[in-house]
């Protein structure tokens, strides 16, 4: 499985601890497309969480992620929110 993270739209809900959002992902053999939290990405992996600069992929029903993908910092950016 080859998945590349190209962008994120993180949506944090202060009233609950859940995470929502979407990510623009490219997978081998498929066109680049947006995925929402809960969508199957590839090989039985679902998008579990979207953060400011990263996403977590994992197996359905598991709380521990299998893969974390992170966007690189652009020149002049810092790792602070």
PDB file of N, CA and C in Angstrom:
ATOM      1  N   UNK A   1       0.846  -1.183   0.000  1.00  0.00           N
ATOM      2  CA  UNK A   1       0.000   0.000   0.000  1.00  0.00           C
ATOM      3  C   UNK A   1       0.884   1.237   0.000  1.00  0.00           C
ATOM      4  N   UNK A   2       0.609   2.125  -0.916  1.00  0.00           N
ATOM      5  CA  UNK A   2       1.339   3.382  -0.982  1.00  0.00           C
ATOM      6  C   UNK A   2       0.318   4.509  -0.951  1.00  0.00           C
ATOM      7  N   UNK A   3       0.287   5.255   0.149  1.00  0.00           N
ATOM      8  CA  UNK A   3      -0.653   6.361   0.309  1.00  0.00           C
ATOM      9  C   UNK A   3       0.154   7.616   0.580  1.00  0.00           C
ATOM     10  N   UNK A   4      -0.168   8.691  -0.124  1.00  0.00           N
ATOM     11  CA  UNK A   4       0.520   9.960   0.059  1.00  0.00           C
ATOM     12  C   UNK A   4      -0.481  11.014   0.510  1.00  0.00           C
ATOM     13  N   UNK A   5      -0.128  11.748   1.567  1.00  0.00           N
ATOM     14  CA  UNK A   5      -0.960  12.836   2.078  1.00  0.00           C
ATOM     15  C   UNK A   5      -0.611  14.121   1.338  1.00  0.00           C
ATOM     16  N   UNK A   6      -1.619  14.748   0.732  1.00  0.00           N
ATOM     17  CA  UNK A   6      -1.403  15.971  -0.031  1.00  0.00           C
ATOM     18  C   UNK A   6      -2.004  17.210   0.633  1.00  0.00           C
ATOM     19  N   UNK A   7      -2.981  17.013   1.542  1.00  0.00           N
ATOM     20  CA  UNK A   7      -3.595  18.148   2.212  1.00  0.00           C
ATOM     21  C   UNK A   7      -4.608  17.695   3.237  1.00  0.00           C
ATOM     22  N   UNK A   8      -4.925  18.597   4.187  1.00  0.00           N
ATOM     23  CA  UNK A   8      -5.911  18.284   5.226  1.00  0.00           C
ATOM     24  C   UNK A   8      -6.847  19.464   5.444  1.00  0.00           C
ATOM     25  N   UNK A   9      -8.061  19.147   5.860  1.00  0.00           N
ATOM     26  CA  UNK A   9      -9.004  20.136   6.376  1.00  0.00           C
ATOM     27  C   UNK A   9      -9.447  19.579   7.717  1.00  0.00           C
ATOM     28  N   UNK A  10      -8.848  20.073   8.792  1.00  0.00           N
ATOM     29  CA  UNK A  10      -9.153  19.576  10.135  1.00  0.00           C
ATOM     30  C   UNK A  10     -10.318  20.358  10.708  1.00  0.00           C
ATOM     31  N   UNK A  11     -11.245  19.643  11.332  1.00  0.00           N
ATOM     32  CA  UNK A  11     -12.403  20.261  11.980  1.00  0.00           C
ATOM     33  C   UNK A  11     -12.457  19.729  13.400  1.00  0.00           C
ATOM     34  N   UNK A  12     -12.183  20.580  14.357  1.00  0.00           N
ATOM     35  CA  UNK A  12     -12.208  20.145  15.753  1.00  0.00           C
ATOM     36  C   UNK A  12     -13.528  20.572  16.367  1.00  0.00           C
ATOM     37  N   UNK A  13     -14.176  19.656  17.064  1.00  0.00           N
ATOM     38  CA  UNK A  13     -15.441  19.965  17.727  1.00  0.00           C
ATOM     39  C   UNK A  13     -15.184  20.069  19.217  1.00  0.00           C
ATOM     40  N   UNK A  14     -15.249  21.272  19.750  1.00  0.00           N
ATOM     41  CA  UNK A  14     -14.945  21.509  21.155  1.00  0.00           C
ATOM     42  C   UNK A  14     -15.939  20.822  22.085  1.00  0.00           C
ATOM     43  N   UNK A  15     -17.174  20.638  21.642  1.00  0.00           N
ATOM     44  CA  UNK A  15     -18.192  20.054  22.507  1.00  0.00           C
ATOM     45  C   UNK A  15     -18.008  18.555  22.706  1.00  0.00           C
ATOM     46  N   UNK A  16     -17.234  17.928  21.829  1.00  0.00           N
ATOM     47  CA  UNK A  16     -16.972  16.495  21.986  1.00  0.00           C
ATOM     48  C   UNK A  16     -15.496  16.235  21.732  1.00  0.00           C
ATOM     49  N   UNK A  17     -15.041  15.083  22.136  1.00  0.00           N
ATOM     50  CA  UNK A  17     -13.650  14.717  21.942  1.00  0.00           C
ATOM     51  C   UNK A  17     -13.406  14.098  20.572  1.00  0.00           C
ATOM     52  N   UNK A  18     -14.456  13.957  19.755  1.00  0.00           N
ATOM     53  CA  UNK A  18     -14.282  13.335  18.447  1.00  0.00           C
ATOM     54  C   UNK A  18     -13.582  14.285  17.486  1.00  0.00           C
ATOM     55  N   UNK A  19     -13.008  13.700  16.480  1.00  0.00           N
ATOM     56  CA  UNK A  19     -12.281  14.460  15.487  1.00  0.00           C
ATOM     57  C   UNK A  19     -12.988  14.285  14.149  1.00  0.00           C
ATOM     58  N   UNK A  20     -13.150  15.335  13.417  1.00  0.00           N
ATOM     59  CA  UNK A  20     -13.748  15.269  12.096  1.00  0.00           C
ATOM     60  C   UNK A  20     -12.801  15.952  11.129  1.00  0.00           C
ATOM     61  N   UNK A  21     -13.086  15.844   9.880  1.00  0.00           N
ATOM     62  CA  UNK A  21     -12.267  16.515   8.890  1.00  0.00           C
ATOM     63  C   UNK A  21     -12.130  15.658   7.656  1.00  0.00           C
ATOM     64  N   UNK A  22     -11.309  16.132   6.751  1.00  0.00           N
ATOM     65  CA  UNK A  22     -11.060  15.382   5.528  1.00  0.00           C
ATOM     66  C   UNK A  22      -9.609  15.556   5.122  1.00  0.00           C
ATOM     67  N   UNK A  23      -9.184  14.658   4.248  1.00  0.00           N
ATOM     68  CA  UNK A  23      -7.799  14.677   3.781  1.00  0.00           C
ATOM     69  C   UNK A  23      -7.778  14.386   2.291  1.00  0.00           C
ATOM     70  N   UNK A  24      -6.843  15.005   1.606  1.00  0.00           N
ATOM     71  CA  UNK A  24      -6.629  14.744   0.188  1.00  0.00           C
ATOM     72  C   UNK A  24      -5.502  13.721   0.105  1.00  0.00           C
ATOM     73  N   UNK A  25      -5.850  12.508  -0.368  1.00  0.00           N
ATOM     74  CA  UNK A  25      -4.894  11.407  -0.393  1.00  0.00           C
ATOM     75  C   UNK A  25      -4.744  10.851  -1.803  1.00  0.00           C
ATOM     76  N   UNK A  26      -3.512  10.447  -2.117  1.00  0.00           N
ATOM     77  CA  UNK A  26      -3.224   9.760  -3.369  1.00  0.00           C
ATOM     78  C   UNK A  26      -2.831   8.333  -3.021  1.00  0.00           C
ATOM     79  N   UNK A  27      -3.477   7.366  -3.666  1.00  0.00           N
ATOM     80  CA  UNK A  27      -3.138   5.959  -3.461  1.00  0.00           C
ATOM     81  C   UNK A  27      -2.686   5.361  -4.788  1.00  0.00           C
ATOM     82  N   UNK A  28      -1.807   4.376  -4.711  1.00  0.00           N
ATOM     83  CA  UNK A  28      -1.298   3.725  -5.905  1.00  0.00           C
ATOM     84  C   UNK A  28      -2.438   3.137  -6.720  1.00  0.00           C
ATOM     85  N   UNK A  29      -2.471   3.471  -8.004  1.00  0.00           N
ATOM     86  CA  UNK A  29      -3.474   2.912  -8.892  1.00  0.00           C
ATOM     87  C   UNK A  29      -4.821   3.609  -8.878  1.00  0.00           C
ATOM     88  N   UNK A  30      -4.967   4.664  -8.070  1.00  0.00           N
ATOM     89  CA  UNK A  30      -6.239   5.391  -8.002  1.00  0.00           C
ATOM     90  C   UNK A  30      -5.975   6.890  -8.106  1.00  0.00           C
ATOM     91  N   UNK A  31      -6.954   7.641  -8.603  1.00  0.00           N
ATOM     92  CA  UNK A  31      -6.772   9.090  -8.671  1.00  0.00           C
ATOM     93  C   UNK A  31      -6.777   9.707  -7.268  1.00  0.00           C
ATOM     94  N   UNK A  32      -6.138  10.849  -7.146  1.00  0.00           N
ATOM     95  CA  UNK A  32      -6.154  11.607  -5.894  1.00  0.00           C
ATOM     96  C   UNK A  32      -7.579  12.031  -5.602  1.00  0.00           C
ATOM     97  N   UNK A  33      -8.012  11.851  -4.339  1.00  0.00           N
ATOM     98  CA  UNK A  33      -9.367  12.260  -3.999  1.00  0.00           C
ATOM     99  C   UNK A  33      -9.466  12.559  -2.507  1.00  0.00           C
ATOM    100  N   UNK A  34     -10.526  13.291  -2.128  1.00  0.00           N
ATOM    101  CA  UNK A  34     -10.716  13.607  -0.705  1.00  0.00           C
ATOM    102  C   UNK A  34     -11.370  12.438   0.031  1.00  0.00           C
ATOM    103  N   UNK A  35     -10.972  12.263   1.289  1.00  0.00           N
ATOM    104  CA  UNK A  35     -11.544  11.250   2.175  1.00  0.00           C
ATOM    105  C   UNK A  35     -11.964  11.923   3.468  1.00  0.00           C
ATOM    106  N   UNK A  36     -13.095  11.503   4.025  1.00  0.00           N
ATOM    107  CA  UNK A  36     -13.563  11.997   5.322  1.00  0.00           C
ATOM    108  C   UNK A  36     -13.227  10.959   6.381  1.00  0.00           C
ATOM    109  N   UNK A  37     -13.160  11.391   7.635  1.00  0.00           N
ATOM    110  CA  UNK A  37     -12.919  10.470   8.729  1.00  0.00           C
ATOM    111  C   UNK A  37     -13.958   9.348   8.656  1.00  0.00           C
ATOM    112  N   UNK A  38     -13.496   8.104   8.706  1.00  0.00           N
ATOM    113  CA  UNK A  38     -14.367   6.941   8.605  1.00  0.00           C
ATOM    114  C   UNK A  38     -14.375   6.293   7.229  1.00  0.00           C
ATOM    115  N   UNK A  39     -13.909   7.001   6.193  1.00  0.00           N
ATOM    116  CA  UNK A  39     -13.873   6.432   4.839  1.00  0.00           C
ATOM    117  C   UNK A  39     -12.755   5.408   4.703  1.00  0.00           C
ATOM    118  N   UNK A  40     -13.019   4.361   3.911  1.00  0.00           N
ATOM    119  CA  UNK A  40     -11.972   3.392   3.603  1.00  0.00           C
ATOM    120  C   UNK A  40     -11.037   3.996   2.555  1.00  0.00           C
ATOM    121  N   UNK A  41      -9.746   3.943   2.834  1.00  0.00           N
ATOM    122  CA  UNK A  41      -8.740   4.525   1.945  1.00  0.00           C
ATOM    123  C   UNK A  41      -8.172   3.458   1.021  1.00  0.00           C
ATOM    124  N   UNK A  42      -7.674   2.361   1.592  1.00  0.00           N
ATOM    125  CA  UNK A  42      -7.092   1.276   0.791  1.00  0.00           C
ATOM    126  C   UNK A  42      -6.818   0.079   1.676  1.00  0.00           C
ATOM    127  N   UNK A  43      -6.873  -1.109   1.076  1.00  0.00           N
ATOM    128  CA  UNK A  43      -6.491  -2.342   1.762  1.00  0.00           C
ATOM    129  C   UNK A  43      -7.119  -2.490   3.145  1.00  0.00           C
ATOM    130  N   UNK A  44      -8.387  -2.121   3.299  1.00  0.00           N
ATOM    131  CA  UNK A  44      -9.058  -2.266   4.587  1.00  0.00           C
ATOM    132  C   UNK A  44      -8.674  -1.220   5.610  1.00  0.00           C
ATOM    133  N   UNK A  45      -7.929  -0.198   5.212  1.00  0.00           N
ATOM    134  CA  UNK A  45      -7.572   0.895   6.131  1.00  0.00           C
ATOM    135  C   UNK A  45      -8.580   2.023   6.000  1.00  0.00           C
ATOM    136  N   UNK A  46      -8.972   2.581   7.127  1.00  0.00           N
ATOM    137  CA  UNK A  46      -9.881   3.721   7.124  1.00  0.00           C
ATOM    138  C   UNK A  46      -9.156   4.947   7.667  1.00  0.00           C
ATOM    139  N   UNK A  47      -9.643   6.100   7.296  1.00  0.00           N
ATOM    140  CA  UNK A  47      -9.131   7.355   7.833  1.00  0.00           C
ATOM    141  C   UNK A  47      -9.724   7.513   9.227  1.00  0.00           C
ATOM    142  N   UNK A  48      -8.888   7.393  10.261  1.00  0.00           N
ATOM    143  CA  UNK A  48      -9.360   7.438  11.641  1.00  0.00           C
ATOM    144  C   UNK A  48      -9.365   8.844  12.221  1.00  0.00           C
ATOM    145  N   UNK A  49      -8.387   9.658  11.857  1.00  0.00           N
ATOM    146  CA  UNK A  49      -8.289  10.989  12.452  1.00  0.00           C
ATOM    147  C   UNK A  49      -7.588  11.946  11.502  1.00  0.00           C
ATOM    148  N   UNK A  50      -7.984  13.217  11.572  1.00  0.00           N
ATOM    149  CA  UNK A  50      -7.344  14.288  10.819  1.00  0.00           C
ATOM    150  C   UNK A  50      -6.906  15.338  11.823  1.00  0.00           C
ATOM    151  N   UNK A  51      -5.633  15.697  11.777  1.00  0.00           N
ATOM    152  CA  UNK A  51      -5.092  16.717  12.669  1.00  0.00           C
ATOM    153  C   UNK A  51      -4.614  17.885  11.817  1.00  0.00           C
ATOM    154  N   UNK A  52      -3.953  18.857  12.454  1.00  0.00           N
ATOM    155  CA  UNK A  52      -3.533  20.059  11.727  1.00  0.00           C
ATOM    156  C   UNK A  52      -2.650  19.762  10.517  1.00  0.00           C
ATOM    157  N   UNK A  53      -1.694  18.850  10.661  1.00  0.00           N
ATOM    158  CA  UNK A  53      -0.770  18.548   9.576  1.00  0.00           C
ATOM    159  C   UNK A  53      -0.579  17.057   9.357  1.00  0.00           C
ATOM    160  N   UNK A  54      -1.476  16.240   9.898  1.00  0.00           N
ATOM    161  CA  UNK A  54      -1.296  14.802   9.765  1.00  0.00           C
ATOM    162  C   UNK A  54      -2.636  14.069   9.782  1.00  0.00           C
ATOM    163  N   UNK A  55      -2.569  12.796   9.376  1.00  0.00           N
ATOM    164  CA  UNK A  55      -3.731  11.919   9.428  1.00  0.00           C
ATOM    165  C   UNK A  55      -3.305  10.579  10.012  1.00  0.00           C
ATOM    166  N   UNK A  56      -4.269   9.862  10.567  1.00  0.00           N
ATOM    167  CA  UNK A  56      -4.033   8.520  11.097  1.00  0.00           C
ATOM    168  C   UNK A  56      -4.935   7.549  10.346  1.00  0.00           C
ATOM    169  N   UNK A  57      -4.323   6.488   9.820  1.00  0.00           N
ATOM    170  CA  UNK A  57      -5.053   5.425   9.143  1.00  0.00           C
ATOM    171  C   UNK A  57      -5.001   4.182  10.019  1.00  0.00           C
ATOM    172  N   UNK A  58      -6.076   3.407  10.039  1.00  0.00           N
ATOM    173  CA  UNK A  58      -6.095   2.188  10.837  1.00  0.00           C
ATOM    174  C   UNK A  58      -7.162   1.232  10.360  1.00  0.00           C
ATOM    175  N   UNK A  59      -7.224   0.090  10.998  1.00  0.00           N
ATOM    176  CA  UNK A  59      -8.227  -0.924  10.675  1.00  0.00           C
ATOM    177  C   UNK A  59      -9.569  -0.533  11.296  1.00  0.00           C
ATOM    178  N   UNK A  60     -10.679  -0.813  10.643  1.00  0.00           N
ATOM    179  CA  UNK A  60     -11.991  -0.493  11.208  1.00  0.00           C
ATOM    180  C   UNK A  60     -12.180  -1.141  12.584  1.00  0.00           C
ATOM    181  N   UNK A  61     -12.699  -0.390  13.527  1.00  0.00           N
ATOM    182  CA  UNK A  61     -12.984  -0.895  14.860  1.00  0.00           C
ATOM    183  C   UNK A  61     -11.800  -0.894  15.807  1.00  0.00           C
ATOM    184  N   UNK A  62     -10.607  -0.586  15.325  1.00  0.00           N
ATOM    185  CA  UNK A  62      -9.438  -0.524  16.197  1.00  0.00           C
ATOM    186  C   UNK A  62      -9.177   0.910  16.596  1.00  0.00           C
ATOM    187  N   UNK A  63      -8.760   1.098  17.836  1.00  0.00           N
ATOM    188  CA  UNK A  63      -8.505   2.453  18.313  1.00  0.00           C
ATOM    189  C   UNK A  63      -7.073   2.898  18.061  1.00  0.00           C
ATOM    190  N   UNK A  64      -6.169   1.972  17.892  1.00  0.00           N
ATOM    191  CA  UNK A  64      -4.775   2.326  17.618  1.00  0.00           C
ATOM    192  C   UNK A  64      -4.558   2.419  16.114  1.00  0.00           C
ATOM    193  N   UNK A  65      -4.001   3.545  15.665  1.00  0.00           N
ATOM    194  CA  UNK A  65      -3.725   3.714  14.253  1.00  0.00           C
ATOM    195  C   UNK A  65      -2.601   2.813  13.787  1.00  0.00           C
ATOM    196  N   UNK A  66      -2.623   2.474  12.520  1.00  0.00           N
ATOM    197  CA  UNK A  66      -1.593   1.644  11.927  1.00  0.00           C
ATOM    198  C   UNK A  66      -0.543   2.518  11.259  1.00  0.00           C
ATOM    199  N   UNK A  67      -0.992   3.602  10.611  1.00  0.00           N
ATOM    200  CA  UNK A  67      -0.107   4.471   9.849  1.00  0.00           C
ATOM    201  C   UNK A  67      -0.440   5.921  10.160  1.00  0.00           C
ATOM    202  N   UNK A  68       0.589   6.722  10.420  1.00  0.00           N
ATOM    203  CA  UNK A  68       0.419   8.166  10.552  1.00  0.00           C
ATOM    204  C   UNK A  68       1.172   8.828   9.409  1.00  0.00           C
ATOM    205  N   UNK A  69       0.483   9.657   8.648  1.00  0.00           N
ATOM    206  CA  UNK A  69       1.092  10.415   7.558  1.00  0.00           C
ATOM    207  C   UNK A  69       1.115  11.879   7.956  1.00  0.00           C
ATOM    208  N   UNK A  70       2.220  12.566   7.681  1.00  0.00           N
ATOM    209  CA  UNK A  70       2.364  13.965   8.083  1.00  0.00           C
ATOM    210  C   UNK A  70       2.797  14.818   6.897  1.00  0.00           C
ATOM    211  N   UNK A  71       2.214  15.999   6.800  1.00  0.00           N
ATOM    212  CA  UNK A  71       2.632  16.950   5.776  1.00  0.00           C
ATOM    213  C   UNK A  71       3.963  17.576   6.190  1.00  0.00           C
ATOM    214  N   UNK A  72       4.875  17.782   5.259  1.00  0.00           N
ATOM    215  CA  UNK A  72       6.135  18.437   5.604  1.00  0.00           C
ATOM    216  C   UNK A  72       5.914  19.920   5.880  1.00  0.00           C
ATOM    217  N   UNK A  73       6.788  20.494   6.713  1.00  0.00           N
ATOM    218  CA  UNK A  73       6.755  21.945   6.939  1.00  0.00           C
ATOM    219  C   UNK A  73       7.263  22.649   5.693  1.00  0.00           C
ATOM    220  N   UNK A  74       6.583  23.696   5.298  1.00  0.00           N
ATOM    221  CA  UNK A  74       7.041  24.517   4.176  1.00  0.00           C
ATOM    222  C   UNK A  74       8.091  25.490   4.674  1.00  0.00           C
ATOM    223  N   UNK A  75       8.931  25.997   3.796  1.00  0.00           N
ATOM    224  CA  UNK A  75       9.950  26.971   4.228  1.00  0.00           C
ATOM    225  C   UNK A  75       9.301  28.133   4.966  1.00  0.00           C
ATOM    226  N   UNK A  76       9.852  28.491   6.119  1.00  0.00           N
ATOM    227  CA  UNK A  76       9.330  29.599   6.913  1.00  0.00           C
ATOM    228  C   UNK A  76       8.280  29.199   7.910  1.00  0.00           C
ATOM    229  N   UNK A  77       7.795  27.951   7.874  1.00  0.00           N
ATOM    230  CA  UNK A  77       6.784  27.491   8.821  1.00  0.00           C
ATOM    231  C   UNK A  77       7.458  26.968  10.085  1.00  0.00           C
ATOM    232  N   UNK A  78       6.732  27.036  11.183  1.00  0.00           N
ATOM    233  CA  UNK A  78       7.183  26.425  12.421  1.00  0.00           C
ATOM    234  C   UNK A  78       6.190  25.353  12.811  1.00  0.00           C
ATOM    235  N   UNK A  79       6.572  24.524  13.746  1.00  0.00           N
ATOM    236  CA  UNK A  79       5.708  23.418  14.167  1.00  0.00           C
ATOM    237  C   UNK A  79       4.724  23.848  15.242  1.00  0.00           C
ATOM    238  N   UNK A  80       4.597  25.134  15.500  1.00  0.00           N
ATOM    239  CA  UNK A  80       3.657  25.638  16.521  1.00  0.00           C
ATOM    240  C   UNK A  80       2.314  25.922  15.883  1.00  0.00           C
ATOM    241  N   UNK A  81       1.206  25.664  16.621  1.00  0.00           N
ATOM    242  CA  UNK A  81      -0.126  25.947  16.079  1.00  0.00           C
ATOM    243  C   UNK A  81      -0.384  27.427  15.904  1.00  0.00           C
TER     244      UNK A  81
END
